[in-house]
Each structure stands twice: as C-alpha cells, then as structure tokens.
Amino acid sequence: MNAATVTEAMRQAMMTAFWLALPLLALGFLAGLVMSLVQIVTSIQDPGFAAVPRLAAFFAGLLLCLPWMLMKLTAYTTALFADLGRYAH
C-alpha cells in the first residue's frame, strides 16, 4: 500500500467522521448559544439551567439524525470493504 492510498483512506475516514459529528455539534452549539442568551436576559446563573436543555437538544438531535448517520456509516463501511483488495497490496 503506497502513501497515496493511505492518505486517501485516512481522508475518507476523517470526512465521514466530520459529517457524522456535524449535526450533533451544530445542535449543541445552537442550544448552548440560546441558553446563554436566556441566562443573560434572565440573569439566572445556575449551571444546571443551561446543561439540561442542551442535553435534551443533543438527544433529540441524535434521535432525529440517527437513521441518516447509520446510513452514512453503512455506506462508508460497505465502500471500505468493497475496496479491501486495493488496501491489501
């Protein structure tokens, strides 16, 4: 296996991980931003006040995105195993 093949395999793995994590990270960021704004407006500085809605948004996003994430991961794994002969050299 040459360096170009290894680089391409690693690039595909990193891009798949990026696309799988992006929706959940974006939801966590947006929920944190909204909760920070609510804390600023209401002057509530309780850490639990921000953590619970962020976790709820994360889990709701996970439930909504899980079928898409599994489809993406299955497609990546199938493509990886289909090209296994290319990596064996």
PDB file of N, CA and C in Angstrom:
ATOM      1  N   MET A   1       0.859  -1.166   0.000  1.00  0.00           N
ATOM      2  CA  MET A   1       0.000   0.000   0.000  1.00  0.00           C
ATOM      3  C   MET A   1       0.906   1.229   0.000  1.00  0.00           C
ATOM      4  N   ASN A   2       0.674   2.119  -0.942  1.00  0.00           N
ATOM      5  CA  ASN A   2       1.527   3.300  -1.039  1.00  0.00           C
ATOM      6  C   ASN A   2       0.944   4.463  -0.224  1.00  0.00           C
ATOM      7  N   ALA A   3       1.688   5.549  -0.192  1.00  0.00           N
ATOM      8  CA  ALA A   3       1.304   6.693   0.636  1.00  0.00           C
ATOM      9  C   ALA A   3       0.023   7.348   0.144  1.00  0.00           C
ATOM     10  N   ALA A   4      -0.198   7.363  -1.156  1.00  0.00           N
ATOM     11  CA  ALA A   4      -1.414   7.987  -1.688  1.00  0.00           C
ATOM     12  C   ALA A   4      -2.660   7.208  -1.264  1.00  0.00           C
ATOM     13  N   THR A   5      -2.575   5.908  -1.237  1.00  0.00           N
ATOM     14  CA  THR A   5      -3.709   5.078  -0.821  1.00  0.00           C
ATOM     15  C   THR A   5      -4.016   5.283   0.651  1.00  0.00           C
ATOM     16  N   VAL A   6      -2.970   5.322   1.467  1.00  0.00           N
ATOM     17  CA  VAL A   6      -3.160   5.552   2.901  1.00  0.00           C
ATOM     18  C   VAL A   6      -3.756   6.936   3.136  1.00  0.00           C
ATOM     19  N   THR A   7      -3.253   7.931   2.424  1.00  0.00           N
ATOM     20  CA  THR A   7      -3.756   9.290   2.577  1.00  0.00           C
ATOM     21  C   THR A   7      -5.227   9.376   2.187  1.00  0.00           C
ATOM     22  N   GLU A   8      -5.591   8.728   1.099  1.00  0.00           N
ATOM     23  CA  GLU A   8      -6.990   8.747   0.649  1.00  0.00           C
ATOM     24  C   GLU A   8      -7.897   8.018   1.637  1.00  0.00           C
ATOM     25  N   ALA A   9      -7.449   6.888   2.163  1.00  0.00           N
ATOM     26  CA  ALA A   9      -8.242   6.148   3.139  1.00  0.00           C
ATOM     27  C   ALA A   9      -8.442   6.962   4.416  1.00  0.00           C
ATOM     28  N   MET A  10      -7.385   7.624   4.870  1.00  0.00           N
ATOM     29  CA  MET A  10      -7.495   8.459   6.069  1.00  0.00           C
ATOM     30  C   MET A  10      -8.378   9.679   5.821  1.00  0.00           C
ATOM     31  N   ARG A  11      -8.289  10.254   4.625  1.00  0.00           N
ATOM     32  CA  ARG A  11      -9.124  11.407   4.292  1.00  0.00           C
ATOM     33  C   ARG A  11     -10.597  11.012   4.304  1.00  0.00           C
ATOM     34  N   GLN A  12     -10.902   9.860   3.716  1.00  0.00           N
ATOM     35  CA  GLN A  12     -12.286   9.390   3.702  1.00  0.00           C
ATOM     36  C   GLN A  12     -12.790   9.117   5.120  1.00  0.00           C
ATOM     37  N   ALA A  13     -11.950   8.532   5.959  1.00  0.00           N
ATOM     38  CA  ALA A  13     -12.345   8.258   7.341  1.00  0.00           C
ATOM     39  C   ALA A  13     -12.600   9.550   8.107  1.00  0.00           C
ATOM     40  N   MET A  14     -11.725  10.534   7.929  1.00  0.00           N
ATOM     41  CA  MET A  14     -11.882  11.813   8.623  1.00  0.00           C
ATOM     42  C   MET A  14     -13.111  12.574   8.131  1.00  0.00           C
ATOM     43  N   MET A  15     -13.356  12.547   6.827  1.00  0.00           N
ATOM     44  CA  MET A  15     -14.527  13.238   6.289  1.00  0.00           C
ATOM     45  C   MET A  15     -15.818  12.566   6.744  1.00  0.00           C
ATOM     46  N   THR A  16     -15.824  11.256   6.825  1.00  0.00           N
ATOM     47  CA  THR A  16     -17.006  10.552   7.320  1.00  0.00           C
ATOM     48  C   THR A  16     -17.255  10.901   8.783  1.00  0.00           C
ATOM     49  N   ALA A  17     -16.212  10.918   9.589  1.00  0.00           N
ATOM     50  CA  ALA A  17     -16.355  11.286  10.997  1.00  0.00           C
ATOM     51  C   ALA A  17     -16.837  12.726  11.135  1.00  0.00           C
ATOM     52  N   PHE A  18     -16.329  13.618  10.286  1.00  0.00           N
ATOM     53  CA  PHE A  18     -16.747  15.021  10.314  1.00  0.00           C
ATOM     54  C   PHE A  18     -18.238  15.145  10.012  1.00  0.00           C
ATOM     55  N   TRP A  19     -18.701  14.484   8.929  1.00  0.00           N
ATOM     56  CA  TRP A  19     -20.105  14.605   8.557  1.00  0.00           C
ATOM     57  C   TRP A  19     -21.028  13.925   9.559  1.00  0.00           C
ATOM     58  N   LEU A  20     -20.552  12.883  10.234  1.00  0.00           N
ATOM     59  CA  LEU A  20     -21.371  12.239  11.250  1.00  0.00           C
ATOM     60  C   LEU A  20     -21.499  13.096  12.511  1.00  0.00           C
ATOM     61  N   ALA A  21     -20.448  13.810  12.854  1.00  0.00           N
ATOM     62  CA  ALA A  21     -20.464  14.610  14.077  1.00  0.00           C
ATOM     63  C   ALA A  21     -21.078  15.994  13.879  1.00  0.00           C
ATOM     64  N   LEU A  22     -21.073  16.501  12.651  1.00  0.00           N
ATOM     65  CA  LEU A  22     -21.502  17.881  12.396  1.00  0.00           C
ATOM     66  C   LEU A  22     -22.913  18.203  12.883  1.00  0.00           C
ATOM     67  N   PRO A  23     -23.938  17.406  12.591  1.00  0.00           N
ATOM     68  CA  PRO A  23     -25.282  17.798  13.054  1.00  0.00           C
ATOM     69  C   PRO A  23     -25.389  17.896  14.566  1.00  0.00           C
ATOM     70  N   LEU A  24     -24.784  16.953  15.271  1.00  0.00           N
ATOM     71  CA  LEU A  24     -24.878  16.986  16.731  1.00  0.00           C
ATOM     72  C   LEU A  24     -24.072  18.133  17.325  1.00  0.00           C
ATOM     73  N   LEU A  25     -22.912  18.400  16.763  1.00  0.00           N
ATOM     74  CA  LEU A  25     -22.117  19.528  17.250  1.00  0.00           C
ATOM     75  C   LEU A  25     -22.816  20.854  16.978  1.00  0.00           C
ATOM     76  N   ALA A  26     -23.451  20.976  15.817  1.00  0.00           N
ATOM     77  CA  ALA A  26     -24.175  22.198  15.488  1.00  0.00           C
ATOM     78  C   ALA A  26     -25.366  22.394  16.423  1.00  0.00           C
ATOM     79  N   LEU A  27     -26.100  21.313  16.705  1.00  0.00           N
ATOM     80  CA  LEU A  27     -27.219  21.425  17.637  1.00  0.00           C
ATOM     81  C   LEU A  27     -26.750  21.798  19.039  1.00  0.00           C
ATOM     82  N   GLY A  28     -25.672  21.192  19.486  1.00  0.00           N
ATOM     83  CA  GLY A  28     -25.131  21.538  20.793  1.00  0.00           C
ATOM     84  C   GLY A  28     -24.685  22.980  20.861  1.00  0.00           C
ATOM     85  N   PHE A  29     -24.062  23.464  19.784  1.00  0.00           N
ATOM     86  CA  PHE A  29     -23.627  24.852  19.737  1.00  0.00           C
ATOM     87  C   PHE A  29     -24.817  25.806  19.775  1.00  0.00           C
ATOM     88  N   LEU A  30     -25.832  25.523  18.956  1.00  0.00           N
ATOM     89  CA  LEU A  30     -27.003  26.394  18.914  1.00  0.00           C
ATOM     90  C   LEU A  30     -27.773  26.375  20.226  1.00  0.00           C
ATOM     91  N   ALA A  31     -27.923  25.209  20.821  1.00  0.00           N
ATOM     92  CA  ALA A  31     -28.619  25.127  22.111  1.00  0.00           C
ATOM     93  C   ALA A  31     -27.836  25.862  23.191  1.00  0.00           C
ATOM     94  N   GLY A  32     -26.521  25.744  23.178  1.00  0.00           N
ATOM     95  CA  GLY A  32     -25.700  26.475  24.147  1.00  0.00           C
ATOM     96  C   GLY A  32     -25.791  27.976  23.952  1.00  0.00           C
ATOM     97  N   LEU A  33     -25.821  28.407  22.697  1.00  0.00           N
ATOM     98  CA  LEU A  33     -25.943  29.833  22.400  1.00  0.00           C
ATOM     99  C   LEU A  33     -27.288  30.375  22.865  1.00  0.00           C
ATOM    100  N   VAL A  34     -28.357  29.648  22.577  1.00  0.00           N
ATOM    101  CA  VAL A  34     -29.690  30.089  23.011  1.00  0.00           C
ATOM    102  C   VAL A  34     -29.780  30.127  24.530  1.00  0.00           C
ATOM    103  N   MET A  35     -29.260  29.096  25.181  1.00  0.00           N
ATOM    104  CA  MET A  35     -29.324  29.068  26.646  1.00  0.00           C
ATOM    105  C   MET A  35     -28.468  30.168  27.265  1.00  0.00           C
ATOM    106  N   SER A  36     -27.357  30.494  26.653  1.00  0.00           N
ATOM    107  CA  SER A  36     -26.540  31.601  27.150  1.00  0.00           C
ATOM    108  C   SER A  36     -27.290  32.919  27.028  1.00  0.00           C
ATOM    109  N   LEU A  37     -27.967  33.108  25.914  1.00  0.00           N
ATOM    110  CA  LEU A  37     -28.754  34.329  25.744  1.00  0.00           C
ATOM    111  C   LEU A  37     -29.898  34.402  26.756  1.00  0.00           C
ATOM    112  N   VAL A  38     -30.554  33.270  27.015  1.00  0.00           N
ATOM    113  CA  VAL A  38     -31.625  33.239  28.011  1.00  0.00           C
ATOM    114  C   VAL A  38     -31.067  33.552  29.395  1.00  0.00           C
ATOM    115  N   GLN A  39     -29.891  33.023  29.708  1.00  0.00           N
ATOM    116  CA  GLN A  39     -29.273  33.307  31.005  1.00  0.00           C
ATOM    117  C   GLN A  39     -28.904  34.777  31.131  1.00  0.00           C
ATOM    118  N   ILE A  40     -28.457  35.376  30.050  1.00  0.00           N
ATOM    119  CA  ILE A  40     -28.102  36.793  30.096  1.00  0.00           C
ATOM    120  C   ILE A  40     -29.353  37.635  30.320  1.00  0.00           C
ATOM    121  N   VAL A  41     -30.425  37.305  29.622  1.00  0.00           N
ATOM    122  CA  VAL A  41     -31.658  38.092  29.722  1.00  0.00           C
ATOM    123  C   VAL A  41     -32.307  37.926  31.088  1.00  0.00           C
ATOM    124  N   THR A  42     -32.315  36.717  31.627  1.00  0.00           N
ATOM    125  CA  THR A  42     -32.996  36.459  32.893  1.00  0.00           C
ATOM    126  C   THR A  42     -32.088  36.569  34.110  1.00  0.00           C
ATOM    127  N   SER A  43     -30.801  36.717  33.911  1.00  0.00           N
ATOM    128  CA  SER A  43     -29.809  36.807  34.998  1.00  0.00           C
ATOM    129  C   SER A  43     -29.774  35.551  35.867  1.00  0.00           C
ATOM    130  N   ILE A  44     -30.125  34.424  35.312  1.00  0.00           N
ATOM    131  CA  ILE A  44     -30.033  33.143  36.026  1.00  0.00           C
ATOM    132  C   ILE A  44     -28.670  32.552  35.704  1.00  0.00           C
ATOM    133  N   GLN A  45     -27.867  32.287  36.728  1.00  0.00           N
ATOM    134  CA  GLN A  45     -26.511  31.783  36.512  1.00  0.00           C
ATOM    135  C   GLN A  45     -26.322  30.363  37.026  1.00  0.00           C
ATOM    136  N   ASP A  46     -27.400  29.598  37.091  1.00  0.00           N
ATOM    137  CA  ASP A  46     -27.321  28.218  37.543  1.00  0.00           C
ATOM    138  C   ASP A  46     -26.781  27.334  36.421  1.00  0.00           C
ATOM    139  N   PRO A  47     -25.703  26.557  36.663  1.00  0.00           N
ATOM    140  CA  PRO A  47     -25.153  25.711  35.600  1.00  0.00           C
ATOM    141  C   PRO A  47     -26.135  24.633  35.126  1.00  0.00           C
ATOM    142  N   GLY A  48     -26.979  24.140  36.007  1.00  0.00           N
ATOM    143  CA  GLY A  48     -27.958  23.128  35.625  1.00  0.00           C
ATOM    144  C   GLY A  48     -29.020  23.677  34.697  1.00  0.00           C
ATOM    145  N   PHE A  49     -29.258  24.965  34.786  1.00  0.00           N
ATOM    146  CA  PHE A  49     -30.255  25.620  33.928  1.00  0.00           C
ATOM    147  C   PHE A  49     -29.859  25.539  32.460  1.00  0.00           C
ATOM    148  N   ALA A  50     -28.581  25.573  32.171  1.00  0.00           N
ATOM    149  CA  ALA A  50     -28.109  25.514  30.785  1.00  0.00           C
ATOM    150  C   ALA A  50     -27.821  24.079  30.344  1.00  0.00           C
ATOM    151  N   ALA A  51     -27.424  23.231  31.261  1.00  0.00           N
ATOM    152  CA  ALA A  51     -26.992  21.885  30.883  1.00  0.00           C
ATOM    153  C   ALA A  51     -28.159  20.997  30.466  1.00  0.00           C
ATOM    154  N   VAL A  52     -29.263  21.075  31.163  1.00  0.00           N
ATOM    155  CA  VAL A  52     -30.388  20.179  30.886  1.00  0.00           C
ATOM    156  C   VAL A  52     -30.989  20.433  29.500  1.00  0.00           C
ATOM    157  N   PRO A  53     -31.290  21.669  29.104  1.00  0.00           N
ATOM    158  CA  PRO A  53     -31.809  21.874  27.744  1.00  0.00           C
ATOM    159  C   PRO A  53     -30.803  21.519  26.649  1.00  0.00           C
ATOM    160  N   ARG A  54     -29.521  21.742  26.915  1.00  0.00           N
ATOM    161  CA  ARG A  54     -28.501  21.357  25.932  1.00  0.00           C
ATOM    162  C   ARG A  54     -28.472  19.845  25.738  1.00  0.00           C
ATOM    163  N   LEU A  55     -28.539  19.108  26.829  1.00  0.00           N
ATOM    164  CA  LEU A  55     -28.581  17.645  26.734  1.00  0.00           C
ATOM    165  C   LEU A  55     -29.853  17.177  26.035  1.00  0.00           C
ATOM    166  N   ALA A  56     -30.972  17.824  26.333  1.00  0.00           N
ATOM    167  CA  ALA A  56     -32.234  17.452  25.679  1.00  0.00           C
ATOM    168  C   ALA A  56     -32.151  17.710  24.175  1.00  0.00           C
ATOM    169  N   ALA A  57     -31.573  18.835  23.778  1.00  0.00           N
ATOM    170  CA  ALA A  57     -31.420  19.137  22.349  1.00  0.00           C
ATOM    171  C   ALA A  57     -30.483  18.132  21.692  1.00  0.00           C
ATOM    172  N   PHE A  58     -29.426  17.765  22.386  1.00  0.00           N
ATOM    173  CA  PHE A  58     -28.480  16.783  21.854  1.00  0.00           C
ATOM    174  C   PHE A  58     -29.159  15.435  21.625  1.00  0.00           C
ATOM    175  N   PHE A  59     -29.913  14.955  22.619  1.00  0.00           N
ATOM    176  CA  PHE A  59     -30.565  13.657  22.486  1.00  0.00           C
ATOM    177  C   PHE A  59     -31.677  13.690  21.448  1.00  0.00           C
ATOM    178  N   ALA A  60     -32.409  14.791  21.349  1.00  0.00           N
ATOM    179  CA  ALA A  60     -33.441  14.913  20.313  1.00  0.00           C
ATOM    180  C   ALA A  60     -32.792  14.903  18.928  1.00  0.00           C
ATOM    181  N   GLY A  61     -31.692  15.619  18.789  1.00  0.00           N
ATOM    182  CA  GLY A  61     -30.970  15.608  17.518  1.00  0.00           C
ATOM    183  C   GLY A  61     -30.420  14.240  17.192  1.00  0.00           C
ATOM    184  N   LEU A  62     -29.952  13.534  18.197  1.00  0.00           N
ATOM    185  CA  LEU A  62     -29.446  12.180  17.981  1.00  0.00           C
ATOM    186  C   LEU A  62     -30.560  11.255  17.489  1.00  0.00           C
ATOM    187  N   LEU A  63     -31.731  11.365  18.094  1.00  0.00           N
ATOM    188  CA  LEU A  63     -32.855  10.537  17.664  1.00  0.00           C
ATOM    189  C   LEU A  63     -33.295  10.878  16.249  1.00  0.00           C
ATOM    190  N   LEU A  64     -33.273  12.156  15.899  1.00  0.00           N
ATOM    191  CA  LEU A  64     -33.684  12.567  14.560  1.00  0.00           C
ATOM    192  C   LEU A  64     -32.641  12.218  13.497  1.00  0.00           C
ATOM    193  N   CYS A  65     -31.364  12.359  13.835  1.00  0.00           N
ATOM    194  CA  CYS A  65     -30.289  12.165  12.860  1.00  0.00           C
ATOM    195  C   CYS A  65     -29.761  10.742  12.810  1.00  0.00           C
ATOM    196  N   LEU A  66     -30.140   9.914  13.761  1.00  0.00           N
ATOM    197  CA  LEU A  66     -29.567   8.572  13.832  1.00  0.00           C
ATOM    198  C   LEU A  66     -29.795   7.736  12.572  1.00  0.00           C
ATOM    199  N   PRO A  67     -30.980   7.739  11.964  1.00  0.00           N
ATOM    200  CA  PRO A  67     -31.118   6.951  10.725  1.00  0.00           C
ATOM    201  C   PRO A  67     -30.180   7.430   9.616  1.00  0.00           C
ATOM    202  N   TRP A  68     -30.060   8.742   9.453  1.00  0.00           N
ATOM    203  CA  TRP A  68     -29.154   9.282   8.445  1.00  0.00           C
ATOM    204  C   TRP A  68     -27.703   8.937   8.765  1.00  0.00           C
ATOM    205  N   MET A  69     -27.334   9.034  10.033  1.00  0.00           N
ATOM    206  CA  MET A  69     -25.967   8.731  10.440  1.00  0.00           C
ATOM    207  C   MET A  69     -25.644   7.255  10.195  1.00  0.00           C
ATOM    208  N   LEU A  70     -26.580   6.384  10.517  1.00  0.00           N
ATOM    209  CA  LEU A  70     -26.354   4.946  10.285  1.00  0.00           C
ATOM    210  C   LEU A  70     -26.252   4.639   8.798  1.00  0.00           C
ATOM    211  N   MET A  71     -27.070   5.312   7.975  1.00  0.00           N
ATOM    212  CA  MET A  71     -26.997   5.112   6.530  1.00  0.00           C
ATOM    213  C   MET A  71     -25.635   5.558   5.998  1.00  0.00           C
ATOM    214  N   LYS A  72     -25.156   6.708   6.467  1.00  0.00           N
ATOM    215  CA  LYS A  72     -23.860   7.236   6.030  1.00  0.00           C
ATOM    216  C   LYS A  72     -22.722   6.303   6.463  1.00  0.00           C
ATOM    217  N   LEU A  73     -22.777   5.832   7.695  1.00  0.00           N
ATOM    218  CA  LEU A  73     -21.739   4.940   8.209  1.00  0.00           C
ATOM    219  C   LEU A  73     -21.770   3.586   7.500  1.00  0.00           C
ATOM    220  N   THR A  74     -22.950   3.084   7.196  1.00  0.00           N
ATOM    221  CA  THR A  74     -23.072   1.825   6.471  1.00  0.00           C
ATOM    222  C   THR A  74     -22.514   1.962   5.053  1.00  0.00           C
ATOM    223  N   ALA A  75     -22.793   3.086   4.404  1.00  0.00           N
ATOM    224  CA  ALA A  75     -22.265   3.311   3.055  1.00  0.00           C
ATOM    225  C   ALA A  75     -20.744   3.384   3.078  1.00  0.00           C
ATOM    226  N   TYR A  76     -20.177   4.046   4.079  1.00  0.00           N
ATOM    227  CA  TYR A  76     -18.716   4.138   4.190  1.00  0.00           C
ATOM    228  C   TYR A  76     -18.108   2.756   4.421  1.00  0.00           C
ATOM    229  N   THR A  77     -18.697   1.993   5.333  1.00  0.00           N
ATOM    230  CA  THR A  77     -18.164   0.671   5.651  1.00  0.00           C
ATOM    231  C   THR A  77     -18.269  -0.269   4.457  1.00  0.00           C
ATOM    232  N   THR A  78     -19.377  -0.201   3.738  1.00  0.00           N
ATOM    233  CA  THR A  78     -19.549  -1.036   2.544  1.00  0.00           C
ATOM    234  C   THR A  78     -18.509  -0.681   1.491  1.00  0.00           C
ATOM    235  N   ALA A  79     -18.281   0.612   1.286  1.00  0.00           N
ATOM    236  CA  ALA A  79     -17.280   1.040   0.306  1.00  0.00           C
ATOM    237  C   ALA A  79     -15.879   0.621   0.742  1.00  0.00           C
ATOM    238  N   LEU A  80     -15.607   0.689   2.028  1.00  0.00           N
ATOM    239  CA  LEU A  80     -14.294   0.294   2.540  1.00  0.00           C
ATOM    240  C   LEU A  80     -14.052  -1.197   2.323  1.00  0.00           C
ATOM    241  N   PHE A  81     -15.050  -2.025   2.642  1.00  0.00           N
ATOM    242  CA  PHE A  81     -14.899  -3.463   2.454  1.00  0.00           C
ATOM    243  C   PHE A  81     -14.889  -3.840   0.975  1.00  0.00           C
ATOM    244  N   ALA A  82     -15.584  -3.084   0.135  1.00  0.00           N
ATOM    245  CA  ALA A  82     -15.587  -3.373  -1.303  1.00  0.00           C
ATOM    246  C   ALA A  82     -14.198  -3.134  -1.911  1.00  0.00           C
ATOM    247  N   ASP A  83     -13.459  -2.164  -1.379  1.00  0.00           N
ATOM    248  CA  ASP A  83     -12.120  -1.845  -1.867  1.00  0.00           C
ATOM    249  C   ASP A  83     -11.022  -2.499  -1.039  1.00  0.00           C
ATOM    250  N   LEU A  84     -11.345  -3.503  -0.278  1.00  0.00           N
ATOM    251  CA  LEU A  84     -10.374  -4.125   0.620  1.00  0.00           C
ATOM    252  C   LEU A  84      -9.199  -4.722  -0.149  1.00  0.00           C
ATOM    253  N   GLY A  85      -9.431  -5.220  -1.340  1.00  0.00           N
ATOM    254  CA  GLY A  85      -8.353  -5.776  -2.147  1.00  0.00           C
ATOM    255  C   GLY A  85      -7.326  -4.715  -2.536  1.00  0.00           C
ATOM    256  N   ARG A  86      -7.776  -3.484  -2.707  1.00  0.00           N
ATOM    257  CA  ARG A  86      -6.866  -2.385  -3.047  1.00  0.00           C
ATOM    258  C   ARG A  86      -5.924  -2.072  -1.870  1.00  0.00           C
ATOM    259  N   TYR A  87      -6.427  -2.242  -0.666  1.00  0.00           N
ATOM    260  CA  TYR A  87      -5.613  -1.931   0.514  1.00  0.00           C
ATOM    261  C   TYR A  87      -4.674  -3.078   0.903  1.00  0.00           C
ATOM    262  N   ALA A  88      -4.912  -4.265   0.392  1.00  0.00           N
ATOM    263  CA  ALA A  88      -4.133  -5.431   0.782  1.00  0.00           C
ATOM    264  C   ALA A  88      -2.761  -5.510   0.104  1.00  0.00           C
ATOM    265  N   HIS A  89      -2.543  -4.725  -0.900  1.00  0.00           N
ATOM    266  CA  HIS A  89      -1.263  -4.822  -1.630  1.00  0.00           C
ATOM    267  C   HIS A  89      -0.130  -4.273  -0.827  1.00  0.00           C
TER     268      HIS A  89
END
